[in-house]
Amino acid sequence: MNPKENSEISVHTLLALRQESDALRVITEKLRVKEMGPADHIRTKHEVKAFVESGDVKAAENLLKVAHERRAQHQAESIKQTQQQGQRMSQ
């Protein structure tokens, strides 16, 4: 998947995608939940399911915000772990 395609997802896109027969899978792929930690991945999937069932605009806005924050946090933690491993190996 093209990373730019995922970064451009909007509330309107989410609202349109929830009409798909496999909306949960499609939306979780667009939100790149596999780039989150395991707990955040599961938590986000539950939030996507709730959004698909409700179709609430506020839920879509929150979902986009939270998914971005969770991916960023997981990426920062991964970078930190890599740096710590590198420091240990150089000692």
C-alpha atoms as a PDB file:
ATOM      1  CA  MET A   1       0.000   0.000   0.000  1.00  0.00           C
ATOM      2  CA  ASN A   2       1.143   3.484  -0.745  1.00  0.00           C
ATOM      3  CA  PRO A   3       1.872   5.406   2.509  1.00  0.00           C
ATOM      4  CA  LYS A   4       0.599   8.663   0.991  1.00  0.00           C
ATOM      5  CA  GLU A   5      -2.725   6.997   0.274  1.00  0.00           C
ATOM      6  CA  ASN A   6      -3.125   6.162   3.963  1.00  0.00           C
ATOM      7  CA  SER A   7      -2.127   9.583   5.248  1.00  0.00           C
ATOM      8  CA  GLU A   8      -4.888  11.217   3.192  1.00  0.00           C
ATOM      9  CA  ILE A   9      -7.749   9.284   4.779  1.00  0.00           C
ATOM     10  CA  SER A  10     -10.497  11.598   5.955  1.00  0.00           C
ATOM     11  CA  VAL A  11     -13.750  11.472   7.870  1.00  0.00           C
ATOM     12  CA  HIS A  12     -15.644  11.420   4.567  1.00  0.00           C
ATOM     13  CA  THR A  13     -13.541   8.478   3.390  1.00  0.00           C
ATOM     14  CA  LEU A  14     -14.281   6.584   6.593  1.00  0.00           C
ATOM     15  CA  LEU A  15     -17.993   7.266   6.248  1.00  0.00           C
ATOM     16  CA  ALA A  16     -17.927   5.950   2.682  1.00  0.00           C
ATOM     17  CA  LEU A  17     -15.853   2.893   3.606  1.00  0.00           C
ATOM     18  CA  ARG A  18     -18.238   1.842   6.368  1.00  0.00           C
ATOM     19  CA  GLN A  19     -20.762   0.933   3.646  1.00  0.00           C
ATOM     20  CA  GLU A  20     -18.431  -1.784   2.297  1.00  0.00           C
ATOM     21  CA  SER A  21     -19.266  -5.402   3.072  1.00  0.00           C
ATOM     22  CA  ASP A  22     -15.832  -5.910   4.687  1.00  0.00           C
ATOM     23  CA  ALA A  23     -15.638  -2.411   6.196  1.00  0.00           C
ATOM     24  CA  LEU A  24     -13.774  -3.501   9.330  1.00  0.00           C
ATOM     25  CA  ARG A  25     -10.898  -4.981   7.341  1.00  0.00           C
ATOM     26  CA  VAL A  26     -10.725  -2.163   4.808  1.00  0.00           C
ATOM     27  CA  ILE A  27     -10.766   0.598   7.415  1.00  0.00           C
ATOM     28  CA  THR A  28      -8.204  -1.087   9.673  1.00  0.00           C
ATOM     29  CA  GLU A  29      -5.889  -1.467   6.669  1.00  0.00           C
ATOM     30  CA  LYS A  30      -6.333   2.207   5.771  1.00  0.00           C
ATOM     31  CA  LEU A  31      -5.571   3.182   9.389  1.00  0.00           C
ATOM     32  CA  ARG A  32      -2.469   0.931   9.287  1.00  0.00           C
ATOM     33  CA  VAL A  33      -3.233  -0.786  12.586  1.00  0.00           C
ATOM     34  CA  LYS A  34      -0.447  -3.302  11.979  1.00  0.00           C
ATOM     35  CA  GLU A  35       2.005  -0.453  12.556  1.00  0.00           C
ATOM     36  CA  MET A  36       0.765  -0.130  16.150  1.00  0.00           C
ATOM     37  CA  GLY A  37       1.612  -2.139  19.202  1.00  0.00           C
ATOM     38  CA  PRO A  38      -0.452  -5.307  19.785  1.00  0.00           C
ATOM     39  CA  ALA A  39      -2.739  -3.801  22.436  1.00  0.00           C
ATOM     40  CA  ASP A  40      -3.325  -0.644  20.395  1.00  0.00           C
ATOM     41  CA  HIS A  41      -3.978  -2.768  17.307  1.00  0.00           C
ATOM     42  CA  ILE A  42      -6.763  -4.655  19.091  1.00  0.00           C
ATOM     43  CA  ARG A  43      -8.149  -1.538  20.777  1.00  0.00           C
ATOM     44  CA  THR A  44      -8.317   0.282  17.440  1.00  0.00           C
ATOM     45  CA  LYS A  45     -10.081  -2.644  15.763  1.00  0.00           C
ATOM     46  CA  HIS A  46     -12.757  -2.521  18.476  1.00  0.00           C
ATOM     47  CA  GLU A  47     -13.123   1.229  17.945  1.00  0.00           C
ATOM     48  CA  VAL A  48     -13.425   0.721  14.183  1.00  0.00           C
ATOM     49  CA  LYS A  49     -16.123  -1.890  14.740  1.00  0.00           C
ATOM     50  CA  ALA A  50     -18.051   0.514  16.975  1.00  0.00           C
ATOM     51  CA  PHE A  51     -17.709   3.242  14.346  1.00  0.00           C
ATOM     52  CA  VAL A  52     -18.896   0.949  11.533  1.00  0.00           C
ATOM     53  CA  GLU A  53     -21.975   0.069  13.576  1.00  0.00           C
ATOM     54  CA  SER A  54     -22.761   3.671  14.567  1.00  0.00           C
ATOM     55  CA  GLY A  55     -21.590   5.763  11.618  1.00  0.00           C
ATOM     56  CA  ASP A  56     -20.996   8.672  13.995  1.00  0.00           C
ATOM     57  CA  VAL A  57     -18.952  11.548  12.534  1.00  0.00           C
ATOM     58  CA  LYS A  58     -17.398  12.382  15.925  1.00  0.00           C
ATOM     59  CA  ALA A  59     -16.320   8.750  16.282  1.00  0.00           C
ATOM     60  CA  ALA A  60     -14.679   8.911  12.840  1.00  0.00           C
ATOM     61  CA  GLU A  61     -12.802  12.089  13.763  1.00  0.00           C
ATOM     62  CA  ASN A  62     -11.620  10.557  17.026  1.00  0.00           C
ATOM     63  CA  LEU A  63     -10.657   7.321  15.283  1.00  0.00           C
ATOM     64  CA  LEU A  64      -8.395   9.159  12.835  1.00  0.00           C
ATOM     65  CA  LYS A  65      -6.754  11.158  15.612  1.00  0.00           C
ATOM     66  CA  VAL A  66      -6.194   8.207  17.931  1.00  0.00           C
ATOM     67  CA  ALA A  67      -4.913   5.909  15.176  1.00  0.00           C
ATOM     68  CA  HIS A  68      -2.330   8.498  14.128  1.00  0.00           C
ATOM     69  CA  GLU A  69      -1.193   8.983  17.740  1.00  0.00           C
ATOM     70  CA  ARG A  70      -0.905   5.235  18.355  1.00  0.00           C
ATOM     71  CA  ARG A  71       1.166   4.663  15.203  1.00  0.00           C
ATOM     72  CA  ALA A  72       3.449   7.569  16.083  1.00  0.00           C
ATOM     73  CA  GLN A  73       3.892   6.318  19.645  1.00  0.00           C
ATOM     74  CA  HIS A  74       4.718   2.797  18.490  1.00  0.00           C
ATOM     75  CA  GLN A  75       7.204   4.130  15.952  1.00  0.00           C
ATOM     76  CA  ALA A  76       8.900   6.297  18.604  1.00  0.00           C
ATOM     77  CA  GLU A  77       9.149   3.321  20.964  1.00  0.00           C
ATOM     78  CA  SER A  78      10.647   1.157  18.208  1.00  0.00           C
ATOM     79  CA  ILE A  79      13.257   3.801  17.412  1.00  0.00           C
ATOM     80  CA  LYS A  80      14.125   4.144  21.094  1.00  0.00           C
ATOM     81  CA  GLN A  81      14.567   0.372  21.476  1.00  0.00           C
ATOM     82  CA  THR A  82      16.772   0.221  18.383  1.00  0.00           C
ATOM     83  CA  GLN A  83      18.971   3.025  19.719  1.00  0.00           C
ATOM     84  CA  GLN A  84      19.291   1.328  23.101  1.00  0.00           C
ATOM     85  CA  GLN A  85      20.289  -1.949  21.458  1.00  0.00           C
ATOM     86  CA  GLY A  86      22.877  -0.132  19.385  1.00  0.00           C
ATOM     87  CA  GLN A  87      24.346   1.506  22.487  1.00  0.00           C
ATOM     88  CA  ARG A  88      24.577  -1.848  24.274  1.00  0.00           C
ATOM     89  CA  MET A  89      26.388  -3.425  21.331  1.00  0.00           C
ATOM     90  CA  SER A  90      28.904  -0.591  21.122  1.00  0.00           C
ATOM     91  CA  GLN A  91      29.900  -0.932  24.781  1.00  0.00           C
END
